[in-house]
Amino acid sequence: MLSDVRDYYGLARELGRTGYFETAQLQQILKELKLAIKDGKLIALSGIVGTGKTAALQKIQDLLAQDKEILVAKSLSVDGAQTTLGTLIMALFYVLATEKDFKIPTQPERRERALRDLVKKRHKPVALLVDDAHDLHGKTLLGLKRLIEVIRDGKGTLSVVLAGHPKLKNDLMRASMEEIGARTTLFELEGFGQDKRKYLHWLLAQAMEPKAKMEAVLTEAAVTLLCDRLSTPLQFEKYLALAFEEGYRVGQKPVDADTVESVLSIGLDALEARLMRNGYNVKVLAEILNAKPREVRSFLSGQLPPGRAQEFHQELLAAGVPL
């Protein structure tokens, strides 16, 4: 957001840098997550794009660091599709190995034995946090499950927290993934529900100058429209910023509902947008449907022949894809 726009509406900071908002549901999830981590489990945290999975991971990392009861390792790999079991094991070694000249074994059997001994030596449960886990290969997920068992056999405790789109949850629930999914503790991050208005007030209060008032920058009708159409922190931050920029362009303060309506994306609730938020892009859908990407794009745009479109619809529902 331009500095002129922020000055015009009395915003002291960017909307996306305002802190951390906890709903009652999120507070409960964080509490249950902490208990599950102490028990040494494979854990999945699922939520659509923009619900705050990464922020929740950071929050649980901060809470565990404060308690000092659990050692936390976090994978920093930015390419989830290329992240392997070896990459994740390396993240554990970086946290657990205290000797400066320690060398991570490259041979798998020695590597796992060394890791098992390190966990036991530290005398604390260990948690590995993995973001964007919906991109992990099935073999990597299976390897993580077995790694937890190896550490447990060595009298240690390892938990793995996988955060990802609902695709991750659906993948784990497939019959072919039963070995892993049946042993996974699942948590789902939902939208704000009844807390939308509360969140919007909080977001603006965090961003605005101390003496500024929300009604001076946003009408009640605009607030109602935003809460009716949006559901995640990412959406609120994006479209509220766009509304302020458009309001500044036309010299409007407070921003009204018509201005908000003008910046809301026409395809906000379209099928393709909904699927993308759940982790299903054209490539993933083409693999599920065993179809060409061109045909999938036609389906998403409503241009596929009715018979073929119905086939796709049924196949996706059978695969657990939310339509």
C-alpha atoms as a PDB file:
ATOM      1  CA  MET A   1       0.000   0.000   0.000  1.00  0.00           C
ATOM      2  CA  LEU A   2       1.362   3.433  -0.949  1.00  0.00           C
ATOM      3  CA  SER A   3       2.415   5.772   1.872  1.00  0.00           C
ATOM      4  CA  ASP A   4      -0.025   8.433   0.606  1.00  0.00           C
ATOM      5  CA  VAL A   5      -2.907   5.983   0.993  1.00  0.00           C
ATOM      6  CA  ARG A   6      -1.821   5.065   4.518  1.00  0.00           C
ATOM      7  CA  ASP A   7      -1.510   8.729   5.499  1.00  0.00           C
ATOM      8  CA  TYR A   8      -4.928   9.534   4.023  1.00  0.00           C
ATOM      9  CA  TYR A   9      -6.657   6.871   6.148  1.00  0.00           C
ATOM     10  CA  GLY A  10      -4.449   7.176   9.229  1.00  0.00           C
ATOM     11  CA  LEU A  11      -2.773   3.792   8.928  1.00  0.00           C
ATOM     12  CA  ALA A  12       0.467   3.506  10.863  1.00  0.00           C
ATOM     13  CA  ARG A  13       1.500   0.147   9.364  1.00  0.00           C
ATOM     14  CA  GLU A  14       0.733  -2.316   6.601  1.00  0.00           C
ATOM     15  CA  LEU A  15      -2.346  -4.481   7.136  1.00  0.00           C
ATOM     16  CA  GLY A  16      -0.349  -7.682   6.728  1.00  0.00           C
ATOM     17  CA  ARG A  17       2.076  -6.763   9.524  1.00  0.00           C
ATOM     18  CA  THR A  18      -0.301  -6.246  12.401  1.00  0.00           C
ATOM     19  CA  GLY A  19       0.362  -9.205  14.681  1.00  0.00           C
ATOM     20  CA  TYR A  20      -1.426 -12.454  15.400  1.00  0.00           C
ATOM     21  CA  PHE A  21      -5.182 -12.851  15.882  1.00  0.00           C
ATOM     22  CA  GLU A  22      -6.351 -15.924  17.779  1.00  0.00           C
ATOM     23  CA  THR A  23      -9.884 -17.222  17.488  1.00  0.00           C
ATOM     24  CA  ALA A  24     -11.276 -19.524  20.163  1.00  0.00           C
ATOM     25  CA  GLN A  25     -10.922 -22.420  17.716  1.00  0.00           C
ATOM     26  CA  LEU A  26      -7.268 -21.633  17.065  1.00  0.00           C
ATOM     27  CA  GLN A  27      -6.523 -21.373  20.776  1.00  0.00           C
ATOM     28  CA  GLN A  28      -8.009 -24.842  21.265  1.00  0.00           C
ATOM     29  CA  ILE A  29      -6.029 -26.252  18.336  1.00  0.00           C
ATOM     30  CA  LEU A  30      -2.772 -24.862  19.726  1.00  0.00           C
ATOM     31  CA  LYS A  31      -3.543 -26.431  23.109  1.00  0.00           C
ATOM     32  CA  GLU A  32      -4.325 -29.835  21.591  1.00  0.00           C
ATOM     33  CA  LEU A  33      -1.333 -29.607  19.245  1.00  0.00           C
ATOM     34  CA  LYS A  34       1.017 -29.136  22.153  1.00  0.00           C
ATOM     35  CA  LEU A  35      -0.339 -32.242  23.906  1.00  0.00           C
ATOM     36  CA  ALA A  36      -0.114 -34.336  20.703  1.00  0.00           C
ATOM     37  CA  ILE A  37       3.492 -33.243  20.156  1.00  0.00           C
ATOM     38  CA  LYS A  38       4.472 -34.436  23.638  1.00  0.00           C
ATOM     39  CA  ASP A  39       3.014 -37.869  22.817  1.00  0.00           C
ATOM     40  CA  GLY A  40       5.213 -38.370  19.748  1.00  0.00           C
ATOM     41  CA  LYS A  41       2.742 -38.399  16.877  1.00  0.00           C
ATOM     42  CA  LEU A  42       2.405 -37.663  13.193  1.00  0.00           C
ATOM     43  CA  ILE A  43       0.191 -34.573  13.073  1.00  0.00           C
ATOM     44  CA  ALA A  44      -1.476 -32.802  10.146  1.00  0.00           C
ATOM     45  CA  LEU A  45      -2.683 -29.205  10.334  1.00  0.00           C
ATOM     46  CA  SER A  46      -4.995 -28.548   7.388  1.00  0.00           C
ATOM     47  CA  GLY A  47      -6.517 -25.294   6.126  1.00  0.00           C
ATOM     48  CA  ILE A  48      -7.290 -23.477   2.894  1.00  0.00           C
ATOM     49  CA  VAL A  49      -4.923 -20.852   1.498  1.00  0.00           C
ATOM     50  CA  GLY A  50      -4.770 -17.823   3.777  1.00  0.00           C
ATOM     51  CA  THR A  51      -6.217 -19.345   6.959  1.00  0.00           C
ATOM     52  CA  GLY A  52      -2.969 -18.844   8.868  1.00  0.00           C
ATOM     53  CA  LYS A  53      -1.253 -22.250   8.839  1.00  0.00           C
ATOM     54  CA  THR A  54       2.229 -20.744   8.672  1.00  0.00           C
ATOM     55  CA  ALA A  55       1.367 -18.283  11.437  1.00  0.00           C
ATOM     56  CA  ALA A  56      -0.020 -21.133  13.553  1.00  0.00           C
ATOM     57  CA  LEU A  57       3.215 -23.096  13.077  1.00  0.00           C
ATOM     58  CA  GLN A  58       5.223 -20.068  14.178  1.00  0.00           C
ATOM     59  CA  LYS A  59       2.934 -19.613  17.176  1.00  0.00           C
ATOM     60  CA  ILE A  60       3.331 -23.235  18.292  1.00  0.00           C
ATOM     61  CA  GLN A  61       7.100 -22.933  17.775  1.00  0.00           C
ATOM     62  CA  ASP A  62       7.164 -19.845  20.007  1.00  0.00           C
ATOM     63  CA  LEU A  63       5.042 -21.550  22.679  1.00  0.00           C
ATOM     64  CA  LEU A  64       7.284 -24.605  22.738  1.00  0.00           C
ATOM     65  CA  ALA A  65      10.392 -22.432  22.895  1.00  0.00           C
ATOM     66  CA  GLN A  66       8.963 -20.599  25.918  1.00  0.00           C
ATOM     67  CA  ASP A  67       8.190 -23.828  27.764  1.00  0.00           C
ATOM     68  CA  LYS A  68      11.618 -25.306  26.971  1.00  0.00           C
ATOM     69  CA  GLU A  69      10.149 -28.801  27.364  1.00  0.00           C
ATOM     70  CA  ILE A  70      10.355 -29.743  23.678  1.00  0.00           C
ATOM     71  CA  LEU A  71      13.126 -29.248  21.128  1.00  0.00           C
ATOM     72  CA  VAL A  72      11.824 -27.783  17.879  1.00  0.00           C
ATOM     73  CA  ALA A  73      13.241 -28.293  14.395  1.00  0.00           C
ATOM     74  CA  LYS A  74      11.729 -26.587  11.374  1.00  0.00           C
ATOM     75  CA  SER A  75      12.325 -27.442   7.751  1.00  0.00           C
ATOM     76  CA  LEU A  76      13.430 -24.366   5.809  1.00  0.00           C
ATOM     77  CA  SER A  77      13.236 -26.009   2.403  1.00  0.00           C
ATOM     78  CA  VAL A  78      11.236 -23.749   0.075  1.00  0.00           C
ATOM     79  CA  ASP A  79      10.539 -26.345  -2.615  1.00  0.00           C
ATOM     80  CA  GLY A  80       8.042 -28.751  -1.070  1.00  0.00           C
ATOM     81  CA  ALA A  81       7.829 -30.925  -4.168  1.00  0.00           C
ATOM     82  CA  GLN A  82      11.584 -31.564  -3.982  1.00  0.00           C
ATOM     83  CA  THR A  83      11.729 -32.014  -0.200  1.00  0.00           C
ATOM     84  CA  THR A  84      12.797 -35.552   0.654  1.00  0.00           C
ATOM     85  CA  LEU A  85      13.055 -37.553   3.855  1.00  0.00           C
ATOM     86  CA  GLY A  86      16.789 -36.867   3.804  1.00  0.00           C
ATOM     87  CA  THR A  87      16.157 -33.110   3.725  1.00  0.00           C
ATOM     88  CA  LEU A  88      13.843 -33.310   6.748  1.00  0.00           C
ATOM     89  CA  ILE A  89      16.251 -35.540   8.688  1.00  0.00           C
ATOM     90  CA  MET A  90      18.967 -32.973   8.025  1.00  0.00           C
ATOM     91  CA  ALA A  91      16.774 -30.296   9.640  1.00  0.00           C
ATOM     92  CA  LEU A  92      16.615 -32.477  12.761  1.00  0.00           C
ATOM     93  CA  PHE A  93      20.396 -32.904  12.866  1.00  0.00           C
ATOM     94  CA  TYR A  94      20.933 -29.132  12.654  1.00  0.00           C
ATOM     95  CA  VAL A  95      18.962 -28.704  15.900  1.00  0.00           C
ATOM     96  CA  LEU A  96      20.073 -31.802  17.789  1.00  0.00           C
ATOM     97  CA  ALA A  97      23.794 -31.928  17.003  1.00  0.00           C
ATOM     98  CA  THR A  98      25.619 -29.725  19.535  1.00  0.00           C
ATOM     99  CA  GLU A  99      29.210 -30.549  18.572  1.00  0.00           C
ATOM    100  CA  LYS A 100      30.703 -28.030  16.144  1.00  0.00           C
ATOM    101  CA  ASP A 101      32.602 -30.671  14.170  1.00  0.00           C
ATOM    102  CA  PHE A 102      29.669 -33.100  13.989  1.00  0.00           C
ATOM    103  CA  LYS A 103      29.237 -34.581  10.532  1.00  0.00           C
ATOM    104  CA  ILE A 104      25.838 -35.828   9.397  1.00  0.00           C
ATOM    105  CA  PRO A 105      26.177 -39.425   8.160  1.00  0.00           C
ATOM    106  CA  THR A 106      25.268 -39.826   4.501  1.00  0.00           C
ATOM    107  CA  GLN A 107      24.572 -43.568   4.594  1.00  0.00           C
ATOM    108  CA  PRO A 108      20.874 -44.054   5.534  1.00  0.00           C
ATOM    109  CA  GLU A 109      21.338 -46.789   8.181  1.00  0.00           C
ATOM    110  CA  ARG A 110      24.099 -44.877   9.993  1.00  0.00           C
ATOM    111  CA  ARG A 111      22.149 -41.632   9.651  1.00  0.00           C
ATOM    112  CA  GLU A 112      19.035 -42.997  11.342  1.00  0.00           C
ATOM    113  CA  ARG A 113      21.062 -44.651  14.123  1.00  0.00           C
ATOM    114  CA  ALA A 114      22.931 -41.412  14.791  1.00  0.00           C
ATOM    115  CA  LEU A 115      19.675 -39.460  14.878  1.00  0.00           C
ATOM    116  CA  ARG A 116      18.089 -41.972  17.245  1.00  0.00           C
ATOM    117  CA  ASP A 117      21.071 -41.665  19.603  1.00  0.00           C
ATOM    118  CA  LEU A 118      20.988 -37.862  19.480  1.00  0.00           C
ATOM    119  CA  VAL A 119      17.310 -37.716  20.405  1.00  0.00           C
ATOM    120  CA  LYS A 120      17.866 -40.063  23.316  1.00  0.00           C
ATOM    121  CA  LYS A 121      20.905 -38.066  24.438  1.00  0.00           C
ATOM    122  CA  ARG A 122      18.965 -34.768  24.583  1.00  0.00           C
ATOM    123  CA  HIS A 123      16.372 -36.248  27.004  1.00  0.00           C
ATOM    124  CA  LYS A 124      13.520 -34.196  25.545  1.00  0.00           C
ATOM    125  CA  PRO A 125      10.733 -34.784  23.037  1.00  0.00           C
ATOM    126  CA  VAL A 126      11.537 -33.424  19.584  1.00  0.00           C
ATOM    127  CA  ALA A 127       9.090 -31.794  17.171  1.00  0.00           C
ATOM    128  CA  LEU A 128       9.737 -31.368  13.451  1.00  0.00           C
ATOM    129  CA  LEU A 129       7.565 -28.687  11.809  1.00  0.00           C
ATOM    130  CA  VAL A 130       6.987 -28.907   8.060  1.00  0.00           C
ATOM    131  CA  ASP A 131       5.079 -26.202   6.161  1.00  0.00           C
ATOM    132  CA  ASP A 132       3.512 -26.693   2.696  1.00  0.00           C
ATOM    133  CA  ALA A 133       3.410 -30.428   3.414  1.00  0.00           C
ATOM    134  CA  HIS A 134       0.711 -30.944   0.758  1.00  0.00           C
ATOM    135  CA  ASP A 135       3.576 -31.079  -1.757  1.00  0.00           C
ATOM    136  CA  LEU A 136       5.387 -33.953  -0.029  1.00  0.00           C
ATOM    137  CA  HIS A 137       5.566 -37.266  -1.886  1.00  0.00           C
ATOM    138  CA  GLY A 138       3.725 -40.227  -0.418  1.00  0.00           C
ATOM    139  CA  LYS A 139       7.036 -42.052   0.096  1.00  0.00           C
ATOM    140  CA  THR A 140       8.306 -39.125   2.166  1.00  0.00           C
ATOM    141  CA  LEU A 141       5.199 -39.231   4.360  1.00  0.00           C
ATOM    142  CA  LEU A 142       5.683 -42.968   4.860  1.00  0.00           C
ATOM    143  CA  GLY A 143       9.339 -42.378   5.715  1.00  0.00           C
ATOM    144  CA  LEU A 144       8.384 -39.828   8.381  1.00  0.00           C
ATOM    145  CA  LYS A 145       5.981 -42.300   9.956  1.00  0.00           C
ATOM    146  CA  ARG A 146       8.732 -44.921  10.113  1.00  0.00           C
ATOM    147  CA  LEU A 147      11.222 -42.382  11.454  1.00  0.00           C
ATOM    148  CA  ILE A 148       8.881 -41.663  14.390  1.00  0.00           C
ATOM    149  CA  GLU A 149       8.834 -45.396  15.104  1.00  0.00           C
ATOM    150  CA  VAL A 150      12.639 -45.675  14.903  1.00  0.00           C
ATOM    151  CA  ILE A 151      13.046 -42.874  17.434  1.00  0.00           C
ATOM    152  CA  ARG A 152      10.421 -44.466  19.691  1.00  0.00           C
ATOM    153  CA  ASP A 153      12.259 -47.805  19.571  1.00  0.00           C
ATOM    154  CA  GLY A 154      15.355 -45.963  20.777  1.00  0.00           C
ATOM    155  CA  LYS A 155      13.443 -44.662  23.829  1.00  0.00           C
ATOM    156  CA  GLY A 156      13.081 -41.202  22.362  1.00  0.00           C
ATOM    157  CA  THR A 157      10.082 -39.114  21.280  1.00  0.00           C
ATOM    158  CA  LEU A 158       9.677 -37.491  17.867  1.00  0.00           C
ATOM    159  CA  SER A 159       6.582 -35.745  16.560  1.00  0.00           C
ATOM    160  CA  VAL A 160       6.152 -34.416  13.038  1.00  0.00           C
ATOM    161  CA  VAL A 161       3.706 -31.560  12.397  1.00  0.00           C
ATOM    162  CA  LEU A 162       2.673 -31.280   8.738  1.00  0.00           C
ATOM    163  CA  ALA A 163       0.896 -28.071   7.740  1.00  0.00           C
ATOM    164  CA  GLY A 164      -0.798 -27.939   4.349  1.00  0.00           C
ATOM    165  CA  HIS A 165      -3.847 -27.334   2.214  1.00  0.00           C
ATOM    166  CA  PRO A 166      -6.924 -29.597   2.568  1.00  0.00           C
ATOM    167  CA  LYS A 167      -5.349 -31.672  -0.225  1.00  0.00           C
ATOM    168  CA  LEU A 168      -2.957 -32.985   2.444  1.00  0.00           C
ATOM    169  CA  LYS A 169      -5.869 -34.161   4.584  1.00  0.00           C
ATOM    170  CA  ASN A 170      -7.604 -35.755   1.593  1.00  0.00           C
ATOM    171  CA  ASP A 171      -4.414 -37.515   0.504  1.00  0.00           C
ATOM    172  CA  LEU A 172      -3.930 -38.968   3.985  1.00  0.00           C
ATOM    173  CA  MET A 173      -7.521 -40.232   4.045  1.00  0.00           C
ATOM    174  CA  ARG A 174      -7.168 -42.200   0.784  1.00  0.00           C
ATOM    175  CA  ALA A 175      -7.367 -45.980   1.177  1.00  0.00           C
ATOM    176  CA  SER A 176      -3.902 -46.325  -0.361  1.00  0.00           C
ATOM    177  CA  MET A 177      -2.488 -44.091   2.407  1.00  0.00           C
ATOM    178  CA  GLU A 178      -4.194 -45.917   5.281  1.00  0.00           C
ATOM    179  CA  GLU A 179      -0.876 -46.970   6.816  1.00  0.00           C
ATOM    180  CA  ILE A 180      -0.099 -43.308   7.434  1.00  0.00           C
ATOM    181  CA  GLY A 181      -3.516 -41.648   7.573  1.00  0.00           C
ATOM    182  CA  ALA A 182      -4.889 -43.995  10.245  1.00  0.00           C
ATOM    183  CA  ARG A 183      -1.968 -43.005  12.490  1.00  0.00           C
ATOM    184  CA  THR A 184      -2.210 -39.266  11.854  1.00  0.00           C
ATOM    185  CA  THR A 185      -3.769 -36.826  14.309  1.00  0.00           C
ATOM    186  CA  LEU A 186      -5.647 -34.283  12.197  1.00  0.00           C
ATOM    187  CA  PHE A 187      -6.463 -30.665  13.016  1.00  0.00           C
ATOM    188  CA  GLU A 188      -8.415 -28.405  10.657  1.00  0.00           C
ATOM    189  CA  LEU A 189      -8.095 -24.629  10.588  1.00  0.00           C
ATOM    190  CA  GLU A 190     -11.444 -23.152   9.614  1.00  0.00           C
ATOM    191  CA  GLY A 191     -12.430 -19.643   8.553  1.00  0.00           C
ATOM    192  CA  PHE A 192     -13.350 -16.999  11.073  1.00  0.00           C
ATOM    193  CA  GLY A 193     -17.020 -17.979  11.293  1.00  0.00           C
ATOM    194  CA  GLN A 194     -18.669 -15.642  13.805  1.00  0.00           C
ATOM    195  CA  ASP A 195     -15.337 -13.887  14.444  1.00  0.00           C
ATOM    196  CA  LYS A 196     -15.117 -12.113  11.060  1.00  0.00           C
ATOM    197  CA  ARG A 197     -16.314  -8.750  12.310  1.00  0.00           C
ATOM    198  CA  LYS A 198     -14.204  -9.054  15.433  1.00  0.00           C
ATOM    199  CA  TYR A 199     -11.153  -9.819  13.280  1.00  0.00           C
ATOM    200  CA  LEU A 200     -11.792  -6.867  10.959  1.00  0.00           C
ATOM    201  CA  HIS A 201     -12.062  -4.499  13.926  1.00  0.00           C
ATOM    202  CA  TRP A 202      -8.868  -5.955  15.386  1.00  0.00           C
ATOM    203  CA  LEU A 203      -7.009  -5.723  12.064  1.00  0.00           C
ATOM    204  CA  LEU A 204      -7.818  -2.063  11.622  1.00  0.00           C
ATOM    205  CA  ALA A 205      -7.138  -1.259  15.277  1.00  0.00           C
ATOM    206  CA  GLN A 206      -3.654  -2.773  14.934  1.00  0.00           C
ATOM    207  CA  ALA A 207      -2.920  -0.862  11.727  1.00  0.00           C
ATOM    208  CA  MET A 208      -4.409   2.555  12.511  1.00  0.00           C
ATOM    209  CA  GLU A 209      -2.961   5.483  14.406  1.00  0.00           C
ATOM    210  CA  PRO A 210      -3.853   5.362  18.149  1.00  0.00           C
ATOM    211  CA  LYS A 211      -6.547   8.073  17.988  1.00  0.00           C
ATOM    212  CA  ALA A 212      -8.068   7.006  14.664  1.00  0.00           C
ATOM    213  CA  LYS A 213     -11.533   5.405  14.572  1.00  0.00           C
ATOM    214  CA  MET A 214     -12.705   2.675  12.222  1.00  0.00           C
ATOM    215  CA  GLU A 215     -15.958   4.431  11.283  1.00  0.00           C
ATOM    216  CA  ALA A 216     -13.861   7.294   9.928  1.00  0.00           C
ATOM    217  CA  VAL A 217     -12.287   5.056   7.273  1.00  0.00           C
ATOM    218  CA  LEU A 218     -14.900   2.349   6.612  1.00  0.00           C
ATOM    219  CA  THR A 219     -18.700   2.515   6.622  1.00  0.00           C
ATOM    220  CA  GLU A 220     -20.810  -0.063   8.446  1.00  0.00           C
ATOM    221  CA  ALA A 221     -22.217  -1.258   5.113  1.00  0.00           C
ATOM    222  CA  ALA A 222     -18.674  -1.801   3.819  1.00  0.00           C
ATOM    223  CA  VAL A 223     -17.805  -3.798   6.935  1.00  0.00           C
ATOM    224  CA  THR A 224     -20.892  -5.978   6.460  1.00  0.00           C
ATOM    225  CA  LEU A 225     -20.055  -6.626   2.801  1.00  0.00           C
ATOM    226  CA  LEU A 226     -16.473  -7.613   3.586  1.00  0.00           C
ATOM    227  CA  CYS A 227     -17.636 -10.011   6.307  1.00  0.00           C
ATOM    228  CA  ASP A 228     -20.253 -11.535   4.020  1.00  0.00           C
ATOM    229  CA  ARG A 229     -17.862 -12.189   1.129  1.00  0.00           C
ATOM    230  CA  LEU A 230     -14.515 -12.974   2.771  1.00  0.00           C
ATOM    231  CA  SER A 231     -13.370 -15.728   5.097  1.00  0.00           C
ATOM    232  CA  THR A 232      -9.584 -15.769   5.646  1.00  0.00           C
ATOM    233  CA  PRO A 233      -6.994 -13.297   6.996  1.00  0.00           C
ATOM    234  CA  LEU A 234      -5.290 -13.209   3.590  1.00  0.00           C
ATOM    235  CA  GLN A 235      -8.534 -12.205   1.851  1.00  0.00           C
ATOM    236  CA  PHE A 236      -9.321  -9.480   4.383  1.00  0.00           C
ATOM    237  CA  GLU A 237      -5.827  -8.016   4.110  1.00  0.00           C
ATOM    238  CA  LYS A 238      -5.847  -8.096   0.293  1.00  0.00           C
ATOM    239  CA  TYR A 239      -9.291  -6.655  -0.409  1.00  0.00           C
ATOM    240  CA  LEU A 240      -9.254  -4.120   2.393  1.00  0.00           C
ATOM    241  CA  ALA A 241      -5.980  -2.744   1.019  1.00  0.00           C
ATOM    242  CA  LEU A 242      -7.473  -2.614  -2.495  1.00  0.00           C
ATOM    243  CA  ALA A 243     -10.556  -0.819  -1.158  1.00  0.00           C
ATOM    244  CA  PHE A 244      -8.406   1.823   0.533  1.00  0.00           C
ATOM    245  CA  GLU A 245      -6.360   2.325  -2.625  1.00  0.00           C
ATOM    246  CA  GLU A 246      -9.510   2.746  -4.709  1.00  0.00           C
ATOM    247  CA  GLY A 247     -11.043   5.035  -2.092  1.00  0.00           C
ATOM    248  CA  TYR A 248      -7.944   7.203  -2.111  1.00  0.00           C
ATOM    249  CA  ARG A 249      -8.023   7.359  -5.913  1.00  0.00           C
ATOM    250  CA  VAL A 250     -11.562   8.784  -5.925  1.00  0.00           C
ATOM    251  CA  GLY A 251     -11.109  10.834  -2.730  1.00  0.00           C
ATOM    252  CA  GLN A 252     -13.557   8.864  -0.597  1.00  0.00           C
ATOM    253  CA  LYS A 253     -13.410   8.672   3.192  1.00  0.00           C
ATOM    254  CA  PRO A 254     -14.864   6.622   4.747  1.00  0.00           C
ATOM    255  CA  VAL A 255     -14.779   3.893   2.112  1.00  0.00           C
ATOM    256  CA  ASP A 256     -18.308   2.714   1.318  1.00  0.00           C
ATOM    257  CA  ALA A 257     -19.806  -0.617   0.216  1.00  0.00           C
ATOM    258  CA  ASP A 258     -19.883   0.348  -3.467  1.00  0.00           C
ATOM    259  CA  THR A 259     -16.134   0.894  -3.466  1.00  0.00           C
ATOM    260  CA  VAL A 260     -15.555  -2.416  -1.701  1.00  0.00           C
ATOM    261  CA  GLU A 261     -17.809  -4.169  -4.246  1.00  0.00           C
ATOM    262  CA  SER A 262     -15.818  -2.650  -7.096  1.00  0.00           C
ATOM    263  CA  VAL A 263     -12.540  -4.213  -5.922  1.00  0.00           C
ATOM    264  CA  LEU A 264     -13.833  -7.662  -4.986  1.00  0.00           C
ATOM    265  CA  SER A 265     -12.681 -10.161  -7.592  1.00  0.00           C
ATOM    266  CA  ILE A 266     -15.399 -11.397  -9.960  1.00  0.00           C
ATOM    267  CA  GLY A 267     -13.955 -14.897  -9.694  1.00  0.00           C
ATOM    268  CA  LEU A 268     -13.598 -14.817  -5.907  1.00  0.00           C
ATOM    269  CA  ASP A 269     -16.043 -17.702  -5.428  1.00  0.00           C
ATOM    270  CA  ALA A 270     -15.531 -19.431  -8.789  1.00  0.00           C
ATOM    271  CA  LEU A 271     -14.761 -23.146  -8.945  1.00  0.00           C
ATOM    272  CA  GLU A 272     -11.130 -22.685  -9.954  1.00  0.00           C
ATOM    273  CA  ALA A 273     -10.479 -20.227  -7.106  1.00  0.00           C
ATOM    274  CA  ARG A 274     -12.103 -22.547  -4.548  1.00  0.00           C
ATOM    275  CA  LEU A 275     -10.075 -25.527  -5.731  1.00  0.00           C
ATOM    276  CA  MET A 276      -6.830 -23.548  -5.715  1.00  0.00           C
ATOM    277  CA  ARG A 277      -7.440 -22.536  -2.092  1.00  0.00           C
ATOM    278  CA  ASN A 278      -7.733 -26.216  -1.246  1.00  0.00           C
ATOM    279  CA  GLY A 279      -4.453 -27.066  -2.965  1.00  0.00           C
ATOM    280  CA  TYR A 280      -5.769 -28.357  -6.304  1.00  0.00           C
ATOM    281  CA  ASN A 281      -4.180 -26.638  -9.291  1.00  0.00           C
ATOM    282  CA  VAL A 282      -4.549 -27.710 -12.925  1.00  0.00           C
ATOM    283  CA  LYS A 283      -1.568 -30.072 -12.760  1.00  0.00           C
ATOM    284  CA  VAL A 284      -2.876 -31.889  -9.674  1.00  0.00           C
ATOM    285  CA  LEU A 285      -6.395 -32.130 -11.093  1.00  0.00           C
ATOM    286  CA  ALA A 286      -5.066 -33.501 -14.376  1.00  0.00           C
ATOM    287  CA  GLU A 287      -3.249 -36.265 -12.468  1.00  0.00           C
ATOM    288  CA  ILE A 288      -6.372 -37.157 -10.474  1.00  0.00           C
ATOM    289  CA  LEU A 289      -8.575 -37.187 -13.566  1.00  0.00           C
ATOM    290  CA  ASN A 290      -5.966 -38.735 -15.861  1.00  0.00           C
ATOM    291  CA  ALA A 291      -6.789 -35.957 -18.306  1.00  0.00           C
ATOM    292  CA  LYS A 292      -4.918 -33.341 -20.295  1.00  0.00           C
ATOM    293  CA  PRO A 293      -4.420 -29.908 -18.653  1.00  0.00           C
ATOM    294  CA  ARG A 294      -6.265 -28.283 -21.565  1.00  0.00           C
ATOM    295  CA  GLU A 295      -9.350 -30.379 -20.823  1.00  0.00           C
ATOM    296  CA  VAL A 296      -9.129 -29.542 -17.110  1.00  0.00           C
ATOM    297  CA  ARG A 297      -8.984 -25.821 -17.880  1.00  0.00           C
ATOM    298  CA  SER A 298     -12.107 -26.191 -20.018  1.00  0.00           C
ATOM    299  CA  PHE A 299     -13.829 -27.912 -17.097  1.00  0.00           C
ATOM    300  CA  LEU A 300     -12.878 -25.135 -14.689  1.00  0.00           C
ATOM    301  CA  SER A 301     -14.105 -22.438 -17.066  1.00  0.00           C
ATOM    302  CA  GLY A 302     -17.413 -24.240 -17.694  1.00  0.00           C
ATOM    303  CA  GLN A 303     -16.649 -24.918 -21.360  1.00  0.00           C
ATOM    304  CA  LEU A 304     -16.406 -28.712 -21.222  1.00  0.00           C
ATOM    305  CA  PRO A 305     -19.264 -30.724 -22.829  1.00  0.00           C
ATOM    306  CA  PRO A 306     -21.900 -31.575 -20.160  1.00  0.00           C
ATOM    307  CA  GLY A 307     -21.340 -35.334 -20.291  1.00  0.00           C
ATOM    308  CA  ARG A 308     -17.580 -35.078 -19.842  1.00  0.00           C
ATOM    309  CA  ALA A 309     -17.993 -32.386 -17.183  1.00  0.00           C
ATOM    310  CA  GLN A 310     -20.272 -34.694 -15.197  1.00  0.00           C
ATOM    311  CA  GLU A 311     -17.648 -37.448 -15.398  1.00  0.00           C
ATOM    312  CA  PHE A 312     -15.007 -35.092 -14.009  1.00  0.00           C
ATOM    313  CA  HIS A 313     -17.376 -33.944 -11.282  1.00  0.00           C
ATOM    314  CA  GLN A 314     -18.061 -37.504 -10.115  1.00  0.00           C
ATOM    315  CA  GLU A 315     -14.393 -38.525 -10.244  1.00  0.00           C
ATOM    316  CA  LEU A 316     -13.332 -35.516  -8.188  1.00  0.00           C
ATOM    317  CA  LEU A 317     -16.022 -36.135  -5.571  1.00  0.00           C
ATOM    318  CA  ALA A 318     -14.924 -39.769  -5.355  1.00  0.00           C
ATOM    319  CA  ALA A 319     -11.340 -38.571  -4.779  1.00  0.00           C
ATOM    320  CA  GLY A 320     -12.482 -36.328  -1.914  1.00  0.00           C
ATOM    321  CA  VAL A 321     -11.894 -33.086  -3.798  1.00  0.00           C
ATOM    322  CA  PRO A 322     -14.216 -30.359  -2.396  1.00  0.00           C
ATOM    323  CA  LEU A 323     -16.507 -28.999  -5.122  1.00  0.00           C
END
